Protein backbone atom coordinates (compact mmCIF):
# COMPACT_ATOMS: atom_id res chain seq x y z
CA ILE A 1 104.38 94.37 89.70
CA LEU A 2 108.07 95.08 90.23
CA LEU A 3 108.66 95.80 93.91
CA TYR A 4 111.55 97.85 95.23
CA GLY A 5 111.53 97.92 99.00
CA GLY A 6 114.09 99.41 101.31
CA ASN A 7 116.48 102.27 101.66
CA LEU A 8 116.24 105.14 99.21
CA GLY A 9 119.77 106.47 99.49
CA LYS A 10 122.86 107.16 97.41
CA PRO A 11 124.33 103.65 97.96
CA GLN A 12 121.37 102.17 96.06
CA GLY A 13 122.18 103.92 92.77
CA LEU A 14 118.53 104.83 92.24
CA ASP A 15 119.08 107.04 89.19
CA PHE A 16 118.99 103.80 87.24
CA LEU A 17 115.68 102.83 88.86
CA LEU A 18 114.17 106.11 87.67
CA GLN A 19 115.57 105.59 84.17
CA ALA A 20 114.24 102.01 84.16
CA ILE A 21 110.72 103.15 85.05
CA VAL A 22 110.70 105.49 82.06
CA ALA A 23 112.25 102.87 79.76
CA CYS A 24 109.63 100.30 80.78
CA GLU A 25 106.60 102.57 80.19
CA SER A 26 105.66 100.67 77.03
CA LEU A 27 105.91 97.30 78.79
CA ASP A 28 103.10 95.82 80.81
CA CYS A 29 104.63 96.39 84.24
CA PHE A 30 104.12 98.52 87.31
CA PHE A 31 106.87 99.70 89.67
CA LEU A 32 106.02 99.82 93.35
CA ILE A 33 108.63 101.64 95.45
CA VAL A 34 108.38 101.37 99.22
CA GLY A 35 110.98 103.05 101.38
CA ASP A 36 112.57 106.10 102.85
CA GLY A 37 116.02 107.61 103.00
CA THR A 38 118.19 110.52 101.97
CA GLU A 39 117.00 110.31 98.35
CA TYR A 40 113.27 110.00 99.14
CA GLN A 41 112.34 113.57 98.23
CA ARG A 42 114.32 113.43 94.98
CA ILE A 43 112.66 110.12 94.06
CA LYS A 44 109.24 111.56 95.00
CA ASN A 45 109.81 114.63 92.83
CA ALA A 46 110.70 112.43 89.86
CA VAL A 47 107.80 110.00 90.43
CA ASP A 48 105.35 112.91 90.74
CA HIS A 49 106.11 113.75 87.10
CA MET A 50 105.69 110.18 85.84
CA ASP A 51 102.64 108.32 84.59
CA LYS A 52 100.70 107.16 87.66
CA GLY A 53 99.81 104.00 85.74
CA VAL A 54 103.42 102.77 85.84
CA VAL A 55 104.74 103.73 89.28
CA LYS A 56 103.70 104.33 92.89
CA LEU A 57 105.89 105.52 95.76
CA ILE A 58 105.00 104.71 99.37
CA LYS A 59 107.13 106.27 102.11
CA PHE A 60 106.60 103.81 104.91
CA LEU A 61 104.75 100.60 105.63
CA PRO A 62 104.77 98.47 108.76
CA ASN A 63 106.58 95.18 108.19
CA LYS A 64 103.38 93.12 108.14
CA GLU A 65 101.83 95.29 105.41
CA TYR A 66 105.07 95.35 103.42
CA ASN A 67 105.20 91.54 103.50
CA LYS A 68 101.63 91.43 102.17
CA LEU A 69 102.70 93.67 99.28
CA ALA A 70 105.64 91.38 98.59
CA GLU A 71 103.29 88.40 98.43
CA ILE A 72 101.18 90.02 95.69
CA SER A 73 104.15 91.36 93.74
CA ASP A 74 105.76 89.53 90.84
CA VAL A 75 109.43 90.54 90.99
CA GLY A 76 111.73 91.88 93.71
CA LEU A 77 114.14 94.62 92.64
CA VAL A 78 117.61 95.26 94.03
CA PHE A 79 119.65 98.31 93.05
CA LEU A 80 123.17 99.17 94.18
CA ASN A 81 125.43 102.00 93.14
CA PRO A 82 127.56 100.86 90.18
CA SER A 83 130.72 102.40 91.63
CA PHE A 84 130.83 100.09 94.68
CA THR A 85 134.08 98.19 95.05
CA VAL A 86 133.16 96.09 98.09
CA PRO A 87 130.72 93.15 97.92
CA ASN A 88 127.31 94.03 99.33
CA ILE A 89 124.20 91.85 99.69
CA PRO A 90 121.10 93.91 100.61
CA SER A 91 118.92 92.34 103.29
CA ARG A 92 115.77 93.19 101.32
CA MET A 93 116.57 90.11 99.24
CA LEU A 94 115.46 87.93 102.14
CA SER A 95 111.94 89.37 102.13
CA TYR A 96 111.72 88.79 98.38
CA MET A 97 112.95 85.23 98.77
CA ASN A 98 110.51 84.65 101.64
CA ALA A 99 107.66 85.76 99.36
CA SER A 100 108.93 83.44 96.58
CA LEU A 101 109.73 86.36 94.30
CA PRO A 102 112.29 86.14 91.53
CA ILE A 103 114.94 88.83 91.90
CA LEU A 104 116.06 91.35 89.31
CA ALA A 105 119.25 93.02 90.50
CA ALA A 106 121.04 95.98 88.91
CA THR A 107 124.24 96.45 90.86
CA ASP A 108 127.98 97.00 90.77
CA GLU A 109 130.23 94.29 89.38
CA CYS A 110 132.00 93.60 92.70
CA THR A 111 128.99 92.08 94.43
CA ASP A 112 128.52 88.36 95.00
CA LEU A 113 124.86 88.91 94.18
CA LYS A 114 125.28 87.95 90.52
CA LYS A 115 126.73 84.57 91.50
CA ILE A 116 124.06 83.94 94.15
CA ILE A 117 121.20 84.78 91.77
CA GLU A 118 122.60 82.84 88.84
CA GLU A 119 123.66 79.74 90.80
CA GLY A 120 120.28 79.66 92.57
CA LYS A 121 118.43 80.20 89.26
CA MET A 122 116.29 82.72 91.11
CA GLY A 123 116.34 85.72 88.83
CA TYR A 124 118.55 87.95 86.72
CA TRP A 125 121.45 90.29 87.31
CA CYS A 126 122.72 93.19 85.25
CA LYS A 127 125.19 95.99 85.83
CA ASN A 128 123.51 99.11 87.17
CA GLY A 129 123.31 101.32 84.08
CA ASP A 130 122.97 98.55 81.47
CA MET A 131 119.46 99.36 80.26
CA ASP A 132 119.47 96.78 77.46
CA ALA A 133 120.19 93.95 79.90
CA PHE A 134 117.64 95.31 82.38
CA LEU A 135 114.90 95.51 79.72
CA LYS A 136 115.75 92.00 78.49
CA SER A 137 115.41 90.71 82.07
CA VAL A 138 112.07 92.48 82.57
CA SER A 139 110.86 90.93 79.31
CA LEU A 140 111.92 87.44 80.41
CA LEU A 141 110.27 87.93 83.80
CA SER A 142 107.02 89.00 82.14
CA ARG A 143 106.36 85.30 81.54
CA SER A 144 104.55 83.80 84.52
CA GLU A 145 106.12 80.37 84.06
CA VAL A 146 109.60 81.92 84.33
CA ARG A 147 108.62 83.95 87.41
CA ASN A 148 107.05 80.94 89.10
CA VAL A 149 110.09 78.69 88.65
CA MET A 150 112.55 81.39 89.72
CA GLY A 151 110.36 82.39 92.66
CA ARG A 152 110.24 78.79 93.89
CA ASN A 153 114.01 78.59 93.48
CA ALA A 154 114.44 81.79 95.52
CA ARG A 155 112.34 80.34 98.34
CA LYS A 156 114.30 77.07 98.20
CA VAL A 157 117.64 78.91 98.41
CA LEU A 158 116.33 80.88 101.40
CA GLU A 159 115.24 77.72 103.21
CA GLU A 160 118.47 75.86 102.47
CA GLU A 161 121.15 78.55 102.70
CA TYR A 162 119.91 81.38 104.93
CA THR A 163 118.82 79.69 108.14
CA VAL A 164 119.84 80.83 111.61
CA GLN A 165 121.49 77.46 112.24
CA ARG A 166 123.58 77.66 109.05
CA SER A 167 124.60 81.26 109.83
CA TYR A 168 125.61 80.23 113.34
CA LYS A 169 127.83 77.44 112.00
CA ILE A 170 129.50 79.74 109.46
CA ILE A 171 130.24 82.36 112.13
CA MET A 172 131.56 79.79 114.59
CA ASN A 173 133.76 78.16 111.95
CA HIS A 174 135.10 81.55 110.92
CA MET A 175 136.04 82.22 114.53
CA GLY A 176 137.82 78.86 114.72
CA MET A 177 135.16 77.35 116.97
CA ASN A 178 133.06 74.37 116.07
CA GLY A 179 130.11 75.49 118.20
CA GLU A 180 129.90 72.24 120.17
CA GLY A 181 128.81 72.60 123.74
CA VAL A 182 127.16 75.93 123.07
CA ASP A 183 123.40 76.23 123.42
CA HIS A 184 121.77 77.43 120.23
């Protein structure tokens, strides 16, 4: 189960998601799309004409139910428009990491996401639009031992790098303050 959760808008570059679903029809995978946004109706129209055995679209889920879906999914998907020129890290990654999911990201080349994923050994990155690289990544992630290791790595990176305390220190240092004497 490849889970895409979050905004369904132009900044996500979701044409590639739709192309990927079709390209993966012969593979043993299922795309679960959960979200809403300006592109929801267009995505729904496309999904309505696809094989129901390979994709399901859900408009909205409460956070608790979404987290349960993440826990039973195998891979977390991130898509960003390939024409972006400013680094962007979607917050949906945190829910994937919390659920110990490996991440498969198809984004622009300006993002720091590639570096984060590769250095953390927590998934794969490809340029949004590079179907060969995407399919190769899906194939590699079809192996449970690969998913399990990368999922554990994702959780470890979350626990070590994305804590409130670490974020606080980074912000305070950026502002030229060391944070001493401040309750936190």
